[in-house]
Amino acid sequence: LAWENYQQERQAVPALPPDPRIPDLSELAENGLGCAAFENGEMIGFLCCLAPMDNAFTTTARGTFSPIYAHGAAREDRIRIYQKLYQAAAQKWANAGISSHSIGLYAHDREAITAFFQYGFGLRCIDAIRPMTPIRSPACEGFSFFEIPPESRGRLEPLHRMLNAHFEKSPCFMKHTGPDLWITKKTRLFAAENSEGVAAYIETADAADNFVTELPQVQNICGAFCLPAHRGKGLYPSLLNFLINVLASEGYTLLGVDYESFNPTAAGFWQKHFTPYTNGVVRRIDENVLGW
């Protein structure tokens, strides 16, 4: 069922690799928080989730997440199957003190999206992908584009702080808590600079939050920021194009990005150049009904 779901999404997003390895479900099955649906002795659906996590999505809630490979439903009557599965699983989650429920759905699976939307879920995160091919970008006179060496990450620290501050404002309301270990992360940074200093950067990593991003031919954008004064002038498409050319020369064939749907600045840009293939939906239930 999980493989069938993926192949259905590939029909809508041809850039997706044809034969990734679906992760093993043993760990998810063993935590006792999943359920399955059977009809006449045949499995017609299942819904599993990861172990509970505290401070889910930078909130104070205890949460869990069902990745895109951790659920599936037969091709007929899928809305009803998914809703029945969630009703059974959600009771287990509530009994375990979990109030933040998150599920990764394929972006073009309208039945699954309808099923969970009707049960109180809203869109939060999106994964998108594109071939590692150049995009149209204007010439940006006066700017240079380059990769930041690891020992010089500190040059981008002011922009990184601005990005965190942006996330805290409306409509994102994402408060960063705990130590910020960004300066020591093993990610790559690409930047645009003029005579006044660094104006924009893009951060990439070998993997992100689903099994597609872990394939060796894929690189993933995991952070990005452009000074407001330079937005809408073609600087960021030019920086993205520089990054694509570098990564393509290294043999990468696909570029992924994940972003919040409620971040209008980022969502508007990424949707121009990438094709969404997952929708991360979230529901926060009333903590007064939890089985604490």
Protein backbone atom coordinates (compact mmCIF):
# COMPACT_ATOMS: atom_id res chain seq x y z
CA LEU A 1 0.00 0.00 0.00
CA ALA A 2 2.84 2.41 0.83
CA TRP A 3 4.55 1.63 -2.48
CA GLU A 4 1.29 2.10 -4.38
CA ASN A 5 0.80 5.51 -2.75
CA TYR A 6 4.27 6.57 -3.85
CA GLN A 7 3.82 5.40 -7.42
CA GLN A 8 0.52 7.29 -7.64
CA GLU A 9 2.33 10.49 -6.64
CA ARG A 10 5.01 9.85 -9.26
CA GLN A 11 2.36 10.09 -11.94
CA ALA A 12 1.74 13.67 -10.85
CA VAL A 13 5.40 14.51 -10.11
CA PRO A 14 7.59 12.76 -12.71
CA ALA A 15 10.76 14.20 -11.14
CA LEU A 16 10.40 11.76 -8.24
CA PRO A 17 12.85 8.84 -8.49
CA PRO A 18 11.23 5.61 -9.77
CA ASP A 19 12.69 3.13 -7.29
CA PRO A 20 13.52 4.48 -3.83
CA ARG A 21 13.66 2.06 -0.92
CA ILE A 22 10.59 2.34 1.30
CA PRO A 23 11.85 2.32 4.92
CA ASP A 24 11.20 -0.70 7.10
CA LEU A 25 8.09 -0.43 9.29
CA SER A 26 9.26 -2.64 12.15
CA GLU A 27 10.12 0.23 14.49
CA LEU A 28 6.77 1.89 13.88
CA ALA A 29 4.84 -1.34 14.38
CA GLU A 30 6.59 -2.07 17.68
CA ASN A 31 5.60 1.15 19.47
CA GLY A 32 1.96 0.05 19.72
CA LEU A 33 0.56 3.33 18.40
CA GLY A 34 -0.54 2.14 14.95
CA CYS A 35 -3.56 0.29 13.61
CA ALA A 36 -4.68 -1.59 10.50
CA ALA A 37 -7.95 -2.14 8.68
CA PHE A 38 -9.02 -5.51 7.26
CA GLU A 39 -11.91 -6.58 5.06
CA ASN A 40 -12.62 -10.24 4.34
CA GLY A 41 -9.19 -11.15 5.67
CA GLU A 42 -7.34 -8.65 3.43
CA MET A 43 -5.55 -5.57 4.73
CA ILE A 44 -7.09 -2.48 3.15
CA GLY A 45 -5.28 0.16 5.16
CA PHE A 46 -2.82 0.94 7.94
CA LEU A 47 -1.65 3.98 9.92
CA CYS A 48 1.52 4.01 12.03
CA CYS A 49 3.53 6.77 13.65
CA LEU A 50 6.90 7.54 15.18
CA ALA A 51 7.53 7.43 18.92
CA PRO A 52 6.15 10.44 20.81
CA MET A 53 8.30 13.57 20.97
CA ASP A 54 8.19 16.46 23.41
CA ASN A 55 7.99 20.10 22.25
CA ALA A 56 6.63 19.08 18.84
CA PHE A 57 7.00 21.77 16.17
CA THR A 58 8.68 24.11 18.71
CA THR A 59 5.52 24.11 20.87
CA THR A 60 4.98 22.83 24.41
CA ALA A 61 2.86 19.93 23.15
CA ARG A 62 3.76 16.26 23.06
CA GLY A 63 3.45 15.13 19.47
CA THR A 64 3.86 12.34 16.98
CA PHE A 65 4.34 12.14 13.24
CA SER A 66 3.21 9.61 10.65
CA PRO A 67 5.61 9.84 7.66
CA ILE A 68 4.47 9.38 4.06
CA TYR A 69 5.53 5.72 4.10
CA ALA A 70 3.81 4.92 7.42
CA HIS A 71 0.25 4.73 6.15
CA GLY A 72 -1.76 3.57 3.17
CA ALA A 73 -5.28 2.78 2.03
CA ALA A 74 -6.82 0.70 -0.74
CA ARG A 75 -7.82 2.52 -3.90
CA GLU A 76 -11.55 2.26 -3.18
CA ASP A 77 -13.42 4.15 -0.45
CA ARG A 78 -10.13 5.65 0.74
CA ILE A 79 -11.66 8.61 2.56
CA ARG A 80 -13.69 6.34 4.83
CA ILE A 81 -10.75 3.96 5.38
CA TYR A 82 -8.37 6.77 6.35
CA GLN A 83 -10.93 8.35 8.68
CA LYS A 84 -11.61 5.05 10.43
CA LEU A 85 -7.88 4.41 10.76
CA TYR A 86 -7.27 7.83 12.27
CA GLN A 87 -10.19 7.47 14.68
CA ALA A 88 -8.66 4.26 16.04
CA ALA A 89 -5.05 5.47 16.07
CA ALA A 90 -5.86 8.89 17.53
CA GLN A 91 -7.42 7.26 20.59
CA LYS A 92 -4.13 5.45 21.19
CA TRP A 93 -2.23 8.69 20.72
CA ALA A 94 -4.45 10.55 23.17
CA ASN A 95 -4.10 7.73 25.71
CA ALA A 96 -0.32 8.19 25.41
CA GLY A 97 -0.61 11.91 26.16
CA ILE A 98 -0.06 13.01 22.56
CA SER A 99 -1.95 16.18 21.64
CA SER A 100 -0.11 17.26 18.45
CA HIS A 101 -0.95 14.86 15.61
CA SER A 102 1.00 15.23 12.37
CA ILE A 103 0.74 13.17 9.18
CA GLY A 104 2.71 13.36 5.95
CA LEU A 105 0.45 13.03 2.89
CA TYR A 106 1.29 13.04 -0.79
CA ALA A 107 0.45 16.43 -2.26
CA HIS A 108 -1.74 15.05 -5.05
CA ASP A 109 -3.60 12.46 -2.97
CA ARG A 110 -6.87 14.39 -2.86
CA GLU A 111 -8.76 11.62 -1.05
CA ALA A 112 -6.28 11.40 1.83
CA ILE A 113 -6.12 15.19 2.09
CA THR A 114 -9.92 15.39 2.18
CA ALA A 115 -10.13 12.66 4.82
CA PHE A 116 -7.81 14.43 7.25
CA PHE A 117 -9.02 17.96 6.45
CA GLN A 118 -12.53 16.86 7.41
CA TYR A 119 -11.09 15.56 10.69
CA GLY A 120 -9.58 18.87 11.74
CA PHE A 121 -6.11 18.86 10.16
CA GLY A 122 -4.48 21.87 8.51
CA LEU A 123 -1.52 22.22 6.18
CA ARG A 124 1.83 23.13 7.74
CA CYS A 125 4.86 21.73 5.85
CA ILE A 126 5.55 21.02 2.18
CA ASP A 127 8.27 18.99 0.49
CA ALA A 128 8.98 19.94 -3.14
CA ILE A 129 11.44 18.77 -5.77
CA ARG A 130 12.89 19.73 -9.16
CA PRO A 131 15.43 18.34 -11.62
CA MET A 132 18.92 19.79 -11.19
CA THR A 133 18.53 21.92 -14.31
CA PRO A 134 19.12 25.68 -14.64
CA ILE A 135 16.30 28.16 -14.10
CA ARG A 136 15.80 31.48 -15.83
CA SER A 137 17.45 34.22 -13.78
CA PRO A 138 18.44 37.80 -14.56
CA ALA A 139 21.97 39.12 -14.46
CA CYS A 140 22.73 40.69 -11.08
CA GLU A 141 25.37 43.33 -11.61
CA GLY A 142 27.64 43.96 -8.67
CA PHE A 143 27.00 40.60 -6.97
CA SER A 144 29.32 37.63 -6.62
CA PHE A 145 28.11 34.10 -5.88
CA PHE A 146 30.20 31.56 -3.99
CA GLU A 147 30.16 28.66 -1.51
CA ILE A 148 31.03 29.55 2.08
CA PRO A 149 33.80 27.31 3.50
CA PRO A 150 32.96 25.62 6.82
CA GLU A 151 35.42 27.76 8.78
CA SER A 152 33.66 30.93 7.58
CA ARG A 153 30.07 30.01 8.54
CA GLY A 154 30.11 32.83 11.08
CA ARG A 155 29.86 35.35 8.24
CA LEU A 156 26.22 34.30 7.79
CA GLU A 157 25.31 34.38 11.47
CA PRO A 158 23.54 37.80 11.24
CA LEU A 159 21.31 36.56 8.40
CA HIS A 160 20.63 33.33 10.29
CA ARG A 161 19.43 35.36 13.30
CA MET A 162 17.20 37.42 11.00
CA LEU A 163 15.68 34.19 9.66
CA ASN A 164 14.90 32.99 13.20
CA ALA A 165 13.35 36.38 14.01
CA HIS A 166 11.21 36.15 10.86
CA PHE A 167 9.88 32.75 11.94
CA GLU A 168 8.77 34.18 15.29
CA LYS A 169 6.56 36.84 13.67
CA SER A 170 3.05 36.54 12.27
CA PRO A 171 1.87 34.42 10.52
CA CYS A 172 4.58 31.83 11.32
CA PHE A 173 4.75 32.09 15.13
CA MET A 174 7.62 29.57 15.34
CA LYS A 175 9.70 30.26 18.44
CA HIS A 176 13.21 28.80 18.47
CA THR A 177 13.99 27.22 21.84
CA GLY A 178 17.10 25.57 23.24
CA PRO A 179 20.69 26.02 22.07
CA ASP A 180 21.25 27.13 18.49
CA LEU A 181 23.83 24.73 17.04
CA TRP A 182 23.58 26.10 13.51
CA ILE A 183 27.18 27.29 13.47
CA THR A 184 28.43 23.69 13.93
CA LYS A 185 26.08 21.95 11.47
CA LYS A 186 27.62 19.86 8.68
CA THR A 187 25.67 21.57 5.92
CA ARG A 188 26.76 23.54 2.86
CA LEU A 189 26.18 27.26 2.44
CA PHE A 190 25.95 29.26 -0.78
CA ALA A 191 25.87 33.05 -0.67
CA ALA A 192 25.42 36.21 -2.73
CA GLU A 193 27.50 39.26 -1.84
CA ASN A 194 28.00 42.82 -3.06
CA SER A 195 30.12 45.71 -1.82
CA GLU A 196 27.84 46.12 1.21
CA GLY A 197 28.23 42.52 2.35
CA VAL A 198 26.37 39.20 2.15
CA ALA A 199 22.78 39.75 1.01
CA ALA A 200 21.39 36.21 0.73
CA TYR A 201 22.24 32.58 1.40
CA ILE A 202 20.98 29.04 0.78
CA GLU A 203 21.80 26.09 3.02
CA THR A 204 21.80 22.50 1.72
CA ALA A 205 22.08 19.04 3.30
CA ASP A 206 22.38 15.43 2.15
CA ALA A 207 19.02 14.45 3.70
CA ALA A 208 15.85 16.03 5.05
CA ASP A 209 12.63 14.60 6.48
CA ASN A 210 11.56 11.78 4.16
CA PHE A 211 13.10 8.81 2.36
CA VAL A 212 13.22 10.54 -1.04
CA THR A 213 15.61 13.16 0.34
CA GLU A 214 18.06 10.48 1.47
CA LEU A 215 18.83 9.20 -2.02
CA PRO A 216 22.43 9.82 -3.15
CA GLN A 217 21.40 11.79 -6.24
CA VAL A 218 19.38 14.29 -4.18
CA GLN A 219 20.51 17.47 -2.40
CA ASN A 220 18.11 19.34 -0.14
CA ILE A 221 17.65 22.99 0.70
CA CYS A 222 17.21 23.26 4.47
CA GLY A 223 17.59 27.00 5.06
CA ALA A 224 17.39 30.22 3.07
CA PHE A 225 17.24 33.96 3.63
CA CYS A 226 17.49 37.15 1.60
CA LEU A 227 17.68 40.67 3.00
CA PRO A 228 14.32 42.40 2.41
CA ALA A 229 15.95 45.22 0.41
CA HIS A 230 17.06 42.73 -2.27
CA ARG A 231 13.86 40.69 -2.63
CA GLY A 232 11.96 40.75 -5.89
CA LYS A 233 14.96 41.95 -7.90
CA GLY A 234 16.18 38.63 -9.28
CA LEU A 235 18.96 38.09 -6.75
CA TYR A 236 17.53 34.93 -5.23
CA PRO A 237 16.80 33.18 -8.55
CA SER A 238 20.39 33.97 -9.54
CA LEU A 239 21.72 32.48 -6.29
CA LEU A 240 19.55 29.40 -6.75
CA ASN A 241 20.84 29.04 -10.30
CA PHE A 242 24.43 29.25 -9.06
CA LEU A 243 23.74 26.52 -6.50
CA ILE A 244 22.10 24.31 -9.15
CA ASN A 245 25.07 24.66 -11.49
CA VAL A 246 27.52 23.73 -8.73
CA LEU A 247 25.57 20.70 -7.56
CA ALA A 248 24.87 19.50 -11.11
CA SER A 249 28.61 19.61 -11.84
CA GLU A 250 29.10 17.29 -8.85
CA GLY A 251 26.68 14.70 -10.26
CA TYR A 252 23.51 15.49 -8.32
CA THR A 253 20.36 15.22 -10.44
CA LEU A 254 17.58 16.33 -8.08
CA LEU A 255 17.11 19.26 -5.73
CA GLY A 256 14.59 19.20 -2.90
CA VAL A 257 13.29 21.82 -0.50
CA ASP A 258 10.97 21.77 2.50
CA TYR A 259 9.14 24.84 3.75
CA GLU A 260 6.20 25.98 5.85
CA SER A 261 3.00 26.68 3.96
CA PHE A 262 2.26 29.63 6.29
CA ASN A 263 5.55 31.36 5.48
CA PRO A 264 4.33 33.56 2.58
CA THR A 265 7.75 34.86 1.56
CA ALA A 266 9.28 31.40 1.18
CA ALA A 267 6.20 29.58 -0.11
CA GLY A 268 5.67 32.09 -2.91
CA PHE A 269 9.23 31.66 -4.15
CA TRP A 270 9.66 27.89 -3.88
CA GLN A 271 6.36 27.16 -5.62
CA LYS A 272 7.60 29.01 -8.70
CA HIS A 273 10.57 26.70 -9.18
CA PHE A 274 9.72 23.40 -7.42
CA THR A 275 6.86 20.88 -7.57
CA PRO A 276 5.30 19.94 -4.20
CA TYR A 277 4.99 16.22 -3.52
CA THR A 278 4.13 16.07 0.20
CA ASN A 279 1.76 17.95 2.47
CA GLY A 280 2.51 17.76 6.18
CA VAL A 281 -0.79 18.27 8.02
CA VAL A 282 -1.21 18.88 11.74
CA ARG A 283 -4.01 18.78 14.30
CA ARG A 284 -3.77 19.94 17.93
CA ILE A 285 -6.38 18.29 20.15
CA ASP A 286 -7.63 19.54 23.52
CA GLU A 287 -5.16 18.47 26.20
CA ASN A 288 -8.04 18.14 28.68
CA VAL A 289 -9.00 14.80 27.10
CA LEU A 290 -5.54 13.24 27.25
CA GLY A 291 -4.97 10.08 29.26
CA TRP A 292 -2.46 11.51 31.73
